[in-house]
Amino acid sequence: MHSLVLVGATLALLASVNGHQYETCNRWFADTDRYPGYTCNEDNLCWYGCHNSYCWSQCNGVGSMAWDGPEGTCNTWYHLNGNLEWCWLNNGSGWKKRCTTNRDCRIFSNNRCLSTCSVG
């Protein structure tokens, strides 16, 4: 009986976690003190921003193996030792998009990666 209750509680916990994993970007990176340059794209659940004068976005590399979310969305729970998988964003013409602030990258934050998705 005790193990049945434990299994039921575990399933309930998993159901509640799964119920929230498609609503917002990975909460691990929501700490603005630790990750000050990250902005959440609520459309595709990917973090994005301006780094070294170019737009970047979270992407799914290794994290895609365990991601069952909607096509085109970023894994909302995976990270590798506090790092997310990211890439440079395509400006729509096959080049990296230049920027000075995260706001400059907003209209490109749904674009595909120009570079390989990697951790860094």
Protein backbone atom coordinates (compact mmCIF):
# COMPACT_ATOMS: atom_id res chain seq x y z
CA MET A 1 0.00 0.00 0.00
CA HIS A 2 2.83 2.40 0.90
CA SER A 3 4.55 1.87 -2.47
CA LEU A 4 1.24 2.43 -4.29
CA VAL A 5 0.85 5.81 -2.56
CA LEU A 6 4.47 6.68 -3.45
CA VAL A 7 3.89 5.77 -7.11
CA GLY A 8 0.69 7.83 -7.16
CA ALA A 9 2.44 10.84 -5.63
CA THR A 10 5.28 10.55 -8.13
CA LEU A 11 2.86 10.43 -11.06
CA ALA A 12 0.99 13.46 -9.71
CA LEU A 13 4.26 15.38 -9.39
CA LEU A 14 5.26 14.49 -12.95
CA ALA A 15 1.85 15.51 -14.23
CA SER A 16 2.11 18.89 -12.53
CA VAL A 17 5.62 19.46 -13.89
CA ASN A 18 4.53 18.47 -17.39
CA GLY A 19 1.53 20.78 -17.11
CA HIS A 20 3.82 23.81 -16.77
CA GLN A 21 6.77 22.99 -18.99
CA TYR A 22 5.27 24.51 -22.14
CA GLU A 23 4.21 27.84 -20.62
CA THR A 24 7.42 29.85 -20.32
CA CYS A 25 11.15 29.80 -20.90
CA ASN A 26 13.43 27.62 -18.77
CA ARG A 27 13.04 29.00 -15.25
CA TRP A 28 16.65 28.08 -14.40
CA PHE A 29 17.77 31.16 -16.38
CA ALA A 30 15.14 33.57 -15.00
CA ASP A 31 17.51 34.76 -12.24
CA THR A 32 18.45 38.21 -13.60
CA ASP A 33 21.33 38.55 -11.14
CA ARG A 34 22.99 35.41 -12.46
CA TYR A 35 21.84 35.75 -16.10
CA PRO A 36 21.39 39.50 -16.71
CA GLY A 37 21.36 39.44 -20.51
CA TYR A 38 18.55 36.96 -21.07
CA THR A 39 15.11 37.87 -22.44
CA CYS A 40 12.31 35.29 -22.78
CA ASN A 41 10.59 34.85 -26.14
CA GLU A 42 7.16 33.63 -25.05
CA ASP A 43 6.35 32.60 -28.66
CA ASN A 44 8.97 29.83 -28.90
CA LEU A 45 9.99 29.53 -25.22
CA CYS A 46 13.62 30.41 -26.06
CA TRP A 47 15.85 32.85 -24.24
CA TYR A 48 17.56 35.37 -26.52
CA GLY A 49 19.67 38.49 -26.34
CA CYS A 50 22.53 40.59 -27.64
CA HIS A 51 26.05 39.31 -26.93
CA ASN A 52 29.30 40.64 -28.42
CA SER A 53 27.21 42.87 -30.74
CA TYR A 54 25.25 39.96 -32.28
CA CYS A 55 21.85 38.42 -31.60
CA TRP A 56 21.78 34.95 -30.08
CA SER A 57 19.02 32.53 -29.08
CA GLN A 58 18.61 29.41 -27.01
CA CYS A 59 18.26 26.31 -29.20
CA ASN A 60 17.90 22.54 -28.85
CA GLY A 61 21.05 20.51 -29.42
CA VAL A 62 21.53 17.63 -26.99
CA GLY A 63 18.48 18.89 -25.08
CA SER A 64 16.27 17.94 -28.03
CA MET A 65 16.68 14.24 -27.23
CA ALA A 66 14.55 14.61 -24.11
CA TRP A 67 12.26 17.43 -25.28
CA ASP A 68 8.70 16.51 -26.16
CA GLY A 69 7.40 20.03 -26.49
CA PRO A 70 5.83 21.55 -29.58
CA GLU A 71 7.98 21.71 -32.74
CA GLY A 72 10.09 24.85 -32.87
CA THR A 73 10.10 25.48 -29.12
CA CYS A 74 13.09 25.35 -26.78
CA ASN A 75 13.54 22.83 -24.01
CA THR A 76 12.19 24.49 -20.88
CA TRP A 77 13.96 22.37 -18.29
CA TYR A 78 17.31 21.20 -19.72
CA HIS A 79 20.62 22.88 -18.89
CA LEU A 80 24.19 21.64 -18.70
CA ASN A 81 25.80 22.75 -15.43
CA GLY A 82 23.89 26.03 -15.53
CA ASN A 83 24.59 26.68 -19.21
CA LEU A 84 22.05 26.68 -21.99
CA GLU A 85 22.47 25.62 -25.58
CA TRP A 86 22.58 28.62 -27.89
CA CYS A 87 23.34 29.84 -31.40
CA TRP A 88 23.77 33.06 -33.37
CA LEU A 89 20.53 34.18 -35.00
CA ASN A 90 20.09 34.49 -38.75
CA ASN A 91 19.10 38.04 -39.80
CA GLY A 92 16.98 36.60 -42.62
CA SER A 93 19.67 37.13 -45.27
CA GLY A 94 22.13 34.48 -44.15
CA TRP A 95 24.20 36.69 -41.83
CA LYS A 96 24.42 37.23 -38.07
CA LYS A 97 22.24 40.08 -36.86
CA ARG A 98 24.18 43.00 -35.31
CA CYS A 99 22.77 44.55 -32.13
CA THR A 100 23.49 46.81 -29.18
CA THR A 101 20.63 45.72 -26.88
CA ASN A 102 18.35 42.71 -26.46
CA ARG A 103 15.52 44.82 -27.85
CA ASP A 104 17.35 44.96 -31.21
CA CYS A 105 17.03 41.16 -31.42
CA ARG A 106 13.32 40.82 -30.66
CA ILE A 107 12.11 40.79 -34.27
CA PHE A 108 14.73 38.15 -35.13
CA SER A 109 14.18 35.96 -32.05
CA ASN A 110 11.94 33.53 -34.00
CA ASN A 111 14.50 33.13 -36.81
CA ARG A 112 16.49 29.94 -37.27
CA CYS A 113 20.05 29.51 -36.08
CA LEU A 114 22.84 30.66 -38.33
CA SER A 115 25.46 28.75 -36.33
CA THR A 116 25.64 25.35 -34.67
CA CYS A 117 23.64 24.94 -31.47
CA SER A 118 26.21 24.51 -28.69
CA VAL A 119 26.81 25.02 -24.98
CA GLY A 120 28.93 27.93 -23.91
